[in-house]
Amino acid sequence: MNAVLSASDLAADLAGSRPPVLLDVRWQLSTARAGGRPPFDGRAAYEAGHIPGAVFVDLDRELASSPGGNGRHPLPSIEDFGAAMRRAGVGASRPVVVYDGGQGWAAARAWWLLRWTGHPDVRVLDGGLAAWDGPLETDVPAPAEGDFSPASGAVPLLDADGAARLARSGVLLDARAGERYRGETEPIDPVGGHIPGAVSAPTTENTAPDGRFLPPAELRARFAALGADGGGEVGVYCGSGVSAAHEVLALAVAGVPAALYVGSWSEWSSDPSRPVAVGPDPQ
């Protein structure tokens, strides 16, 4: 099963006999926009216009638990996540399609969580809402309660110790911007740099300017050049486990399975006993 689908394929699926549950996960990393404007409000954007039938899912409240020592976006409890998905109408036997505003990070987080908890058929709209050329609606649907019962562990997950091990025994990709990996700047976390042995692989380089993923062959070549050719274990981390989910999705498009370190740099850097590497080399 493909991990992503095009806007035209989504339109056909929505018009078909077995339409997918559609989740809108619009979200932005920054808490405030430049110029003093108010922080981005995903629900307000959703209510202003969304793909017909889509249900809004709040990343911070429903796809993560409260931030703390285990990162800015820790995993939600299985119980809370299952309840949120059932409220959105997610069922075990009905396909799910997730989209966001176009960056793809938030949609990938929802995709990964559904895959990790055992949903068999979930895809991401390639390019997000920006790629959709069909109608939008402002009506907020009230879906029937779904029957999805999540069970963790269907896809691999890393903790801090597992990420440290994989950086030496396999390939650990750092999906953040290169300057954060090198330790030249760190706008969010306590210290800049990277997990020793990790390889810089900014997730922004997995997509074309329109936000759609590069073709699978190009993604395979990119990851192979970074050492992730599918011949060994691969893991990914970022700042808080959101953009790394997008890189895991890109790897899936390329046909390379990968584990996600959800705690990511926000967890790693919160413990001063963990080593930190700086500069352009993995070390």
Protein backbone atom coordinates (compact mmCIF):
# COMPACT_ATOMS: atom_id res chain seq x y z
CA MET A 1 0.00 0.00 0.00
CA ASN A 2 1.28 3.45 -0.92
CA ALA A 3 1.90 5.78 2.01
CA VAL A 4 0.79 8.89 0.10
CA LEU A 5 -1.85 9.68 -2.48
CA SER A 6 -2.48 12.53 -4.89
CA ALA A 7 -5.31 15.03 -4.69
CA SER A 8 -6.95 13.48 -7.77
CA ASP A 9 -6.80 10.02 -6.21
CA LEU A 10 -8.30 11.39 -3.00
CA ALA A 11 -11.17 12.99 -4.94
CA ALA A 12 -11.85 9.65 -6.64
CA ASP A 13 -11.75 7.79 -3.32
CA LEU A 14 -14.13 10.27 -1.68
CA ALA A 15 -16.58 9.77 -4.53
CA GLY A 16 -16.28 5.99 -4.39
CA SER A 17 -18.25 3.32 -2.57
CA ARG A 18 -15.77 3.13 0.34
CA PRO A 19 -14.67 6.69 1.10
CA PRO A 20 -11.90 7.16 3.63
CA VAL A 21 -12.13 8.87 6.98
CA LEU A 22 -10.52 12.25 6.35
CA LEU A 23 -8.47 13.96 9.08
CA ASP A 24 -7.36 17.62 8.95
CA VAL A 25 -4.26 18.13 11.12
CA ARG A 26 -3.25 21.70 10.33
CA TRP A 27 -0.51 22.88 12.69
CA GLN A 28 2.62 25.02 12.74
CA LEU A 29 5.79 24.57 14.75
CA SER A 30 6.22 28.17 15.87
CA THR A 31 3.96 29.47 18.62
CA ALA A 32 3.90 32.98 17.18
CA ARG A 33 4.23 34.39 13.72
CA ALA A 34 6.63 37.12 12.73
CA GLY A 35 5.53 40.73 13.04
CA GLY A 36 3.58 40.29 16.25
CA ARG A 37 0.70 38.43 14.66
CA PRO A 38 -1.18 35.89 16.80
CA PRO A 39 -0.11 32.25 16.92
CA PHE A 40 -1.40 29.92 14.24
CA ASP A 41 -4.79 28.42 15.10
CA GLY A 42 -5.31 25.15 13.26
CA ARG A 43 -8.93 24.81 14.30
CA ALA A 44 -9.76 28.32 13.09
CA ALA A 45 -8.11 27.54 9.76
CA TYR A 46 -10.12 24.32 9.56
CA GLU A 47 -13.39 26.08 10.34
CA ALA A 48 -12.64 28.69 7.66
CA GLY A 49 -12.54 25.96 5.03
CA HIS A 50 -11.64 22.29 4.77
CA ILE A 51 -11.99 19.36 2.40
CA PRO A 52 -15.61 18.17 2.60
CA GLY A 53 -16.12 15.62 5.35
CA ALA A 54 -12.79 16.21 7.06
CA VAL A 55 -12.60 16.13 10.86
CA PHE A 56 -10.12 18.35 12.69
CA VAL A 57 -7.48 16.70 14.88
CA ASP A 58 -5.37 18.83 17.23
CA LEU A 59 -1.73 17.73 17.14
CA ASP A 60 -0.74 19.22 20.50
CA ARG A 61 -3.76 17.85 22.37
CA GLU A 62 -4.63 14.61 20.56
CA LEU A 63 -1.41 13.44 18.90
CA ALA A 64 0.88 14.19 21.85
CA SER A 65 0.85 14.32 25.62
CA SER A 66 2.08 17.19 27.78
CA PRO A 67 5.70 18.25 27.20
CA GLY A 68 8.32 17.45 29.81
CA GLY A 69 11.55 15.57 30.29
CA ASN A 70 10.66 13.13 27.54
CA GLY A 71 10.32 15.83 24.91
CA ARG A 72 8.06 18.57 23.59
CA HIS A 73 5.68 16.18 21.83
CA PRO A 74 5.71 12.89 23.77
CA LEU A 75 3.43 10.10 22.65
CA PRO A 76 -0.16 10.36 23.81
CA SER A 77 -1.44 7.54 25.95
CA ILE A 78 -2.92 4.69 23.94
CA GLU A 79 -6.26 5.29 25.64
CA ASP A 80 -6.34 9.01 24.83
CA PHE A 81 -5.24 8.48 21.25
CA GLY A 82 -7.78 5.74 20.67
CA ALA A 83 -10.57 7.91 22.07
CA ALA A 84 -9.55 10.84 19.84
CA MET A 85 -9.48 8.66 16.74
CA ARG A 86 -12.85 7.07 17.52
CA ARG A 87 -14.36 10.56 18.01
CA ALA A 88 -13.05 11.40 14.55
CA GLY A 89 -14.80 8.37 13.12
CA VAL A 90 -11.76 6.17 12.61
CA GLY A 91 -12.59 2.49 12.31
CA ALA A 92 -10.38 -0.55 12.05
CA SER A 93 -11.68 -1.57 8.62
CA ARG A 94 -12.10 1.83 6.95
CA PRO A 95 -9.22 3.61 5.19
CA VAL A 96 -7.91 6.88 6.60
CA VAL A 97 -6.40 9.85 4.76
CA VAL A 98 -4.62 12.62 6.65
CA TYR A 99 -3.69 16.09 5.42
CA ASP A 100 -2.35 19.36 6.81
CA GLY A 101 -1.69 22.79 5.39
CA GLY A 102 0.99 21.58 2.99
CA GLN A 103 4.20 21.15 4.96
CA GLY A 104 3.31 17.55 5.70
CA TRP A 105 4.87 17.29 9.15
CA ALA A 106 1.64 17.21 11.16
CA ALA A 107 -0.08 14.85 8.73
CA ALA A 108 2.92 12.53 8.95
CA ARG A 109 2.71 12.54 12.76
CA ALA A 110 -0.91 11.34 12.55
CA TRP A 111 0.03 8.81 9.85
CA TRP A 112 2.85 7.42 11.99
CA LEU A 113 0.72 7.18 15.14
CA LEU A 114 -2.03 5.33 13.30
CA ARG A 115 0.51 2.96 11.77
CA TRP A 116 2.29 2.45 15.11
CA THR A 117 -1.01 1.57 16.77
CA GLY A 118 -1.93 -0.94 14.10
CA HIS A 119 -4.23 0.77 11.61
CA PRO A 120 -3.80 -1.17 8.34
CA ASP A 121 -4.78 1.49 5.79
CA VAL A 122 -3.67 5.09 6.32
CA ARG A 123 -2.21 7.51 3.77
CA VAL A 124 -1.16 11.15 3.60
CA LEU A 125 -2.39 13.62 0.99
CA ASP A 126 0.78 14.50 -0.92
CA GLY A 127 1.23 18.27 -0.80
CA GLY A 128 -1.53 18.74 1.76
CA LEU A 129 -4.42 21.15 1.41
CA ALA A 130 -2.34 23.30 -0.94
CA ALA A 131 -2.50 20.47 -3.49
CA TRP A 132 -6.28 20.11 -3.27
CA ASP A 133 -8.10 21.78 -6.16
CA GLY A 134 -11.59 20.63 -5.25
CA PRO A 135 -14.27 22.37 -3.18
CA LEU A 136 -13.92 23.37 0.46
CA GLU A 137 -16.66 23.52 3.07
CA THR A 138 -17.13 25.22 6.42
CA ASP A 139 -19.68 22.80 7.89
CA VAL A 140 -18.24 20.80 10.76
CA PRO A 141 -19.25 17.14 10.40
CA ALA A 142 -20.37 14.98 13.30
CA PRO A 143 -19.05 11.53 12.37
CA ALA A 144 -20.38 8.33 13.84
CA GLU A 145 -18.15 6.92 16.57
CA GLY A 146 -15.42 4.73 15.12
CA ASP A 147 -14.34 1.36 16.45
CA PHE A 148 -10.55 1.66 16.14
CA SER A 149 -8.83 -0.02 19.08
CA PRO A 150 -5.13 0.91 19.03
CA ALA A 151 -2.34 -1.41 20.11
CA SER A 152 1.20 -0.06 20.20
CA GLY A 153 4.21 -1.57 18.49
CA ALA A 154 3.14 -2.25 14.90
CA VAL A 155 6.10 -0.21 13.60
CA PRO A 156 9.48 0.38 15.30
CA LEU A 157 9.98 3.03 17.95
CA LEU A 158 13.25 4.24 19.48
CA ASP A 159 14.01 5.63 22.93
CA ALA A 160 17.15 7.62 23.77
CA ASP A 161 19.29 4.55 24.41
CA GLY A 162 18.07 2.90 21.23
CA ALA A 163 18.86 6.03 19.21
CA ALA A 164 22.39 6.16 20.65
CA ARG A 165 22.92 2.50 19.79
CA LEU A 166 21.55 2.86 16.27
CA ALA A 167 23.80 5.86 15.59
CA ARG A 168 26.74 3.44 15.94
CA SER A 169 25.30 0.15 14.65
CA GLY A 170 23.10 1.40 11.81
CA VAL A 171 22.04 4.77 10.39
CA LEU A 172 20.45 7.49 12.52
CA LEU A 173 19.19 10.43 10.47
CA ASP A 174 18.75 13.91 11.95
CA ALA A 175 15.82 15.55 10.16
CA ARG A 176 16.38 19.09 11.50
CA ALA A 177 17.88 21.99 9.57
CA GLY A 178 21.60 21.68 9.00
CA GLU A 179 22.51 24.66 11.17
CA ARG A 180 20.77 23.08 14.16
CA TYR A 181 22.52 19.76 13.53
CA ARG A 182 25.88 21.54 13.37
CA GLY A 183 25.13 23.45 16.58
CA GLU A 184 25.42 26.86 14.93
CA THR A 185 22.00 27.87 16.26
CA GLU A 186 19.38 26.37 18.52
CA PRO A 187 16.19 28.41 18.77
CA ILE A 188 14.18 26.01 20.92
CA ASP A 189 16.16 23.43 22.89
CA PRO A 190 18.72 23.83 25.71
CA VAL A 191 21.79 23.13 23.56
CA GLY A 192 22.68 22.88 19.90
CA GLY A 193 24.33 19.99 18.11
CA HIS A 194 23.39 16.39 17.39
CA ILE A 195 23.46 12.86 18.74
CA PRO A 196 26.99 11.53 18.20
CA GLY A 197 27.07 9.37 15.09
CA ALA A 198 23.87 10.80 13.59
CA VAL A 199 23.86 11.93 9.96
CA SER A 200 22.37 15.26 8.87
CA ALA A 201 19.35 14.73 6.60
CA PRO A 202 17.04 17.77 6.64
CA THR A 203 13.49 16.69 5.94
CA THR A 204 12.95 19.79 3.80
CA GLU A 205 15.13 18.16 1.15
CA ASN A 206 12.62 15.33 0.67
CA THR A 207 10.08 17.50 -1.11
CA ALA A 208 9.79 19.67 -4.19
CA PRO A 209 9.04 23.41 -3.89
CA ASP A 210 5.30 22.66 -4.06
CA GLY A 211 5.51 20.50 -0.92
CA ARG A 212 5.03 17.19 -2.72
CA PHE A 213 7.49 14.37 -2.16
CA LEU A 214 10.25 13.84 -4.66
CA PRO A 215 9.76 10.76 -6.87
CA PRO A 216 10.54 7.47 -5.11
CA ALA A 217 13.67 6.87 -7.17
CA GLU A 218 15.08 10.27 -6.20
CA LEU A 219 14.29 9.67 -2.55
CA ARG A 220 15.96 6.24 -2.69
CA ALA A 221 19.08 7.82 -4.18
CA ARG A 222 19.10 10.57 -1.55
CA PHE A 223 18.82 8.17 1.36
CA ALA A 224 21.27 5.69 -0.13
CA ALA A 225 23.85 8.48 -0.35
CA LEU A 226 23.31 9.04 3.38
CA GLY A 227 23.85 5.35 4.12
CA ALA A 228 20.18 4.41 4.40
CA ASP A 229 19.87 2.02 1.50
CA GLY A 230 17.56 -0.46 3.21
CA GLY A 231 20.35 -2.88 3.95
CA GLY A 232 20.45 -2.17 7.68
CA GLU A 233 18.54 -0.53 10.50
CA VAL A 234 17.51 3.09 10.00
CA GLY A 235 16.17 5.54 12.57
CA VAL A 236 15.13 9.20 12.46
CA TYR A 237 14.87 12.02 14.98
CA CYS A 238 14.25 15.76 14.81
CA GLY A 239 13.46 18.39 17.43
CA SER A 240 10.33 16.87 18.95
CA GLY A 241 9.29 13.90 16.83
CA VAL A 242 7.11 15.73 14.28
CA SER A 243 9.30 16.52 11.28
CA ALA A 244 11.07 13.19 11.86
CA ALA A 245 7.73 11.46 11.23
CA HIS A 246 7.70 13.21 7.86
CA GLU A 247 11.16 11.79 7.13
CA VAL A 248 9.98 8.31 8.15
CA LEU A 249 7.14 8.83 5.67
CA ALA A 250 9.62 9.90 2.97
CA LEU A 251 11.64 6.77 3.67
CA ALA A 252 8.46 4.70 3.33
CA VAL A 253 7.82 6.32 -0.06
CA ALA A 254 11.38 5.30 -0.98
CA GLY A 255 10.77 1.75 0.24
CA VAL A 256 13.09 1.97 3.26
CA PRO A 257 11.60 1.04 6.67
CA ALA A 258 12.70 3.26 9.54
CA ALA A 259 12.16 3.65 13.28
CA LEU A 260 11.15 6.96 14.88
CA TYR A 261 12.81 8.43 17.97
CA VAL A 262 9.80 10.36 19.25
CA GLY A 263 11.58 12.14 22.12
CA SER A 264 14.13 13.43 19.62
CA TRP A 265 16.50 16.31 20.39
CA SER A 266 14.09 17.93 22.85
CA GLU A 267 14.39 14.84 25.07
CA TRP A 268 18.06 14.12 24.37
CA SER A 269 19.27 17.65 25.11
CA SER A 270 17.25 17.92 28.33
CA ASP A 271 19.62 15.45 30.02
CA PRO A 272 23.08 17.03 30.52
CA SER A 273 24.64 13.58 30.94
CA ARG A 274 23.99 12.68 27.30
CA PRO A 275 26.83 13.49 24.89
CA VAL A 276 26.46 16.19 22.24
CA ALA A 277 28.37 16.46 18.97
CA VAL A 278 28.74 19.68 16.98
CA GLY A 279 29.97 20.48 13.49
CA PRO A 280 29.18 18.98 10.10
CA ASP A 281 30.47 15.46 10.79
CA PRO A 282 28.59 12.68 12.60
CA GLN A 283 31.53 12.05 15.05
